[in-house]
Protein backbone atom coordinates (compact mmCIF):
# COMPACT_ATOMS: atom_id res chain seq x y z
CA UNK A 1 37.25 73.23 222.31
CA UNK A 2 35.87 73.19 218.72
CA UNK A 3 32.37 72.45 219.83
CA UNK A 4 32.38 75.30 222.14
CA UNK A 5 33.85 77.82 219.66
CA UNK A 6 31.04 76.64 217.04
CA UNK A 7 28.35 76.90 219.82
CA UNK A 8 29.29 80.48 220.61
CA UNK A 9 30.01 81.75 217.03
CA UNK A 10 26.69 80.43 215.81
CA UNK A 11 25.32 82.87 218.33
CA UNK A 12 27.67 85.70 217.58
CA UNK A 13 29.35 85.50 221.10
CA UNK A 14 32.92 85.16 222.08
CA UNK A 15 33.82 81.64 223.03
CA UNK A 16 34.35 80.86 226.93
CA UNK A 17 35.12 77.79 228.95
CA UNK A 18 34.56 77.58 232.70
CA UNK A 19 36.49 74.90 234.17
CA UNK A 20 35.86 73.84 237.99
CA UNK A 21 39.02 73.39 239.91
CA UNK A 22 40.75 71.17 241.23
CA UNK A 23 38.54 68.35 239.88
CA UNK A 24 39.26 69.49 236.14
CA UNK A 25 42.75 70.69 236.22
CA UNK A 26 43.38 68.45 233.36
CA UNK A 27 40.78 70.46 231.11
CA UNK A 28 42.42 73.65 232.53
CA UNK A 29 46.01 72.66 231.20
CA UNK A 30 44.68 71.69 227.96
CA UNK A 31 42.76 75.05 227.46
CA UNK A 32 45.75 77.11 228.58
CA UNK A 33 48.10 75.13 226.21
CA UNK A 34 45.78 76.26 223.36
CA UNK A 35 46.36 79.73 224.36
CA UNK A 36 43.12 80.66 225.89
CA UNK A 37 43.14 83.51 228.47
CA UNK A 38 42.17 83.02 232.03
CA UNK A 39 40.09 85.46 233.89
CA UNK A 40 40.42 85.70 237.67
CA UNK A 41 39.93 82.66 239.70
CA UNK A 42 36.62 82.50 241.39
CA UNK A 43 35.99 81.00 244.81
CA UNK A 44 32.73 79.48 245.33
CA UNK A 45 31.57 79.66 248.98
CA UNK A 46 28.98 78.22 251.04
CA UNK A 47 27.74 78.82 254.68
CA UNK A 48 24.61 78.05 256.67
CA UNK A 49 21.82 80.73 256.30
CA UNK A 50 20.88 81.01 260.08
CA UNK A 51 23.89 82.70 261.45
CA UNK A 52 24.06 85.25 258.59
CA UNK A 53 20.39 86.16 259.09
CA UNK A 54 21.34 87.21 262.79
CA UNK A 55 23.19 90.20 261.44
CA UNK A 56 22.20 93.67 261.50
CA UNK A 57 19.59 94.73 258.63
CA UNK A 58 19.97 98.43 258.81
CA UNK A 59 17.65 100.03 256.46
CA UNK A 60 17.36 97.44 253.93
CA UNK A 61 14.42 97.16 251.49
CA UNK A 62 13.67 93.91 249.70
CA UNK A 63 11.96 94.05 246.12
CA UNK A 64 10.52 91.31 244.20
CA UNK A 65 11.82 92.87 240.92
CA UNK A 66 15.20 95.05 240.25
CA UNK A 67 14.26 98.72 240.51
CA UNK A 68 15.70 100.97 237.85
CA UNK A 69 18.41 102.06 240.27
CA UNK A 70 19.41 98.44 240.86
CA UNK A 71 19.27 97.67 237.03
CA UNK A 72 21.55 100.69 236.50
CA UNK A 73 24.13 99.34 239.16
CA UNK A 74 24.17 95.88 237.63
CA UNK A 75 24.42 97.32 233.94
CA UNK A 76 27.47 99.38 234.90
CA UNK A 77 29.06 96.41 236.56
CA UNK A 78 28.28 94.18 233.62
CA UNK A 79 28.99 96.92 231.21
CA UNK A 80 25.62 96.52 229.56
CA UNK A 81 22.41 94.51 230.08
CA UNK A 82 20.85 92.61 227.28
CA UNK A 83 17.14 92.72 226.85
CA UNK A 84 16.86 89.25 228.48
CA UNK A 85 18.39 90.52 231.61
CA UNK A 86 15.26 91.00 233.62
CA UNK A 87 14.18 87.40 232.80
CA UNK A 88 17.47 85.98 233.72
CA UNK A 89 17.45 88.11 236.98
CA UNK A 90 13.75 87.14 238.15
CA UNK A 91 13.21 83.63 236.31
CA UNK A 92 13.23 81.73 239.62
CA UNK A 93 10.12 81.75 241.81
CA UNK A 94 11.69 83.05 244.97
CA UNK A 95 13.94 85.90 244.29
CA UNK A 96 14.56 89.47 246.11
CA UNK A 97 16.68 92.41 245.49
CA UNK A 98 17.92 94.20 248.45
CA UNK A 99 18.64 97.84 248.48
CA UNK A 100 20.00 100.55 250.94
CA UNK A 101 19.60 104.32 250.42
CA UNK A 102 21.86 106.83 251.94
CA UNK A 103 20.46 109.87 254.04
CA UNK A 104 20.16 111.82 250.77
CA UNK A 105 18.03 108.98 249.19
CA UNK A 106 20.77 107.71 246.87
CA UNK A 107 21.18 103.96 246.34
CA UNK A 108 24.13 103.06 248.66
CA UNK A 109 24.05 99.27 248.37
CA UNK A 110 22.37 96.51 246.90
CA UNK A 111 22.45 92.59 246.32
CA UNK A 112 20.23 89.94 244.56
CA UNK A 113 18.98 86.78 246.49
CA UNK A 114 17.45 83.90 244.77
CA UNK A 115 16.27 80.59 246.71
CA UNK A 116 16.24 77.30 244.81
CA UNK A 117 16.01 73.72 246.54
CA UNK A 118 16.85 75.38 250.09
CA UNK A 119 19.87 77.17 248.92
CA UNK A 120 20.08 81.01 248.91
CA UNK A 121 22.32 82.25 246.12
CA UNK A 122 23.74 85.69 246.91
CA UNK A 123 24.90 87.71 244.04
CA UNK A 124 25.27 91.05 242.58
CA UNK A 125 26.57 92.49 245.99
CA UNK A 126 27.48 96.10 245.26
CA UNK A 127 28.33 98.92 247.67
CA UNK A 128 28.74 102.26 245.91
CA UNK A 129 32.00 103.96 246.54
CA UNK A 130 30.33 106.73 248.47
CA UNK A 131 29.03 104.04 251.15
CA UNK A 132 31.85 101.87 251.54
CA UNK A 133 33.22 100.40 254.81
CA UNK A 134 29.72 101.12 256.60
CA UNK A 135 28.72 97.51 256.97
CA UNK A 136 26.08 97.66 254.26
CA UNK A 137 27.29 94.62 252.11
CA UNK A 138 26.70 92.85 255.57
CA UNK A 139 23.42 94.31 255.90
CA UNK A 140 21.99 93.33 252.60
CA UNK A 141 23.56 89.64 252.98
CA UNK A 142 21.67 89.49 256.48
CA UNK A 143 18.43 90.99 255.05
CA UNK A 144 18.56 88.40 252.23
CA UNK A 145 19.40 85.56 254.74
CA UNK A 146 16.60 86.44 256.96
CA UNK A 147 14.07 86.46 254.03
CA UNK A 148 15.37 83.27 252.72
CA UNK A 149 15.48 81.36 255.98
CA UNK A 150 11.59 82.58 256.24
CA UNK A 151 10.93 80.55 252.93
CA UNK A 152 12.97 77.49 254.09
CA UNK A 153 16.67 78.04 252.83
CA UNK A 154 19.13 76.40 255.06
CA UNK A 155 22.67 77.12 253.19
CA UNK A 156 23.80 79.91 251.20
CA UNK A 157 26.23 80.09 248.35
CA UNK A 158 28.15 82.83 246.63
CA UNK A 159 30.91 83.40 244.15
CA UNK A 160 33.88 85.96 244.76
CA UNK A 161 36.84 86.51 242.83
CA UNK A 162 39.90 85.41 244.65
CA UNK A 163 41.79 88.84 244.48
CA UNK A 164 38.90 90.67 246.40
CA UNK A 165 40.31 90.41 249.83
CA UNK A 166 37.71 92.99 251.62
CA UNK A 167 35.04 90.76 250.33
CA UNK A 168 36.34 87.52 251.23
CA UNK A 169 37.08 88.77 254.71
CA UNK A 170 33.39 89.99 254.98
CA UNK A 171 32.11 86.53 253.78
CA UNK A 172 34.51 84.58 256.11
CA UNK A 173 32.92 86.69 259.04
CA UNK A 174 29.51 85.48 258.01
CA UNK A 175 30.62 82.02 257.90
CA UNK A 176 31.44 81.18 254.42
CA UNK A 177 34.23 78.76 253.54
CA UNK A 178 35.36 77.82 249.99
CA UNK A 179 33.84 74.80 248.44
CA UNK A 180 35.79 75.01 245.05
CA UNK A 181 37.12 77.46 242.56
CA UNK A 182 36.73 77.83 238.98
CA UNK A 183 38.37 79.74 236.13
CA UNK A 184 36.66 81.09 232.94
CA UNK A 185 38.83 80.93 229.80
CA UNK A 186 38.41 83.09 226.83
CA UNK A 187 39.38 82.12 223.33
CA UNK A 188 42.69 83.90 222.04
């Protein structure tokens, strides 16, 4: 823990420790005993790509780089974006940003997909409040899966907070199951 605190302090950042569960429950108990504060539990879920790709794609557009609209949605979710964000979001060779716009032309839904070693990582799924309950999260996931399958991906992985029941139900309907969980702790 001291090494973690020193590492983050040297970079001017708040210390964090992420603990995979259940395999490192011993570490979690130690961190909790030291007074570190847990964030919500995260489920790491996996699924085959092919069934996801069969879903309805609606009017999904795939971009090689995040548009300014997509960047703004990500920044709002993360509370800000550091200057290195574009590099982090696009540093893998196979990456796409899905977008759906509503009838008025406003961004309604977005997601990021990156393929590494035949795995599609689905992340940053966001459906704006005015467009929820219309199947748009399913649509962007399906579009990313179809693209990924086309370049050789066979499995998909995503992360979802355990308390996000609507997202978990969606991902279950797409064939995702929980592989493991983790908790990230912040220093007191």
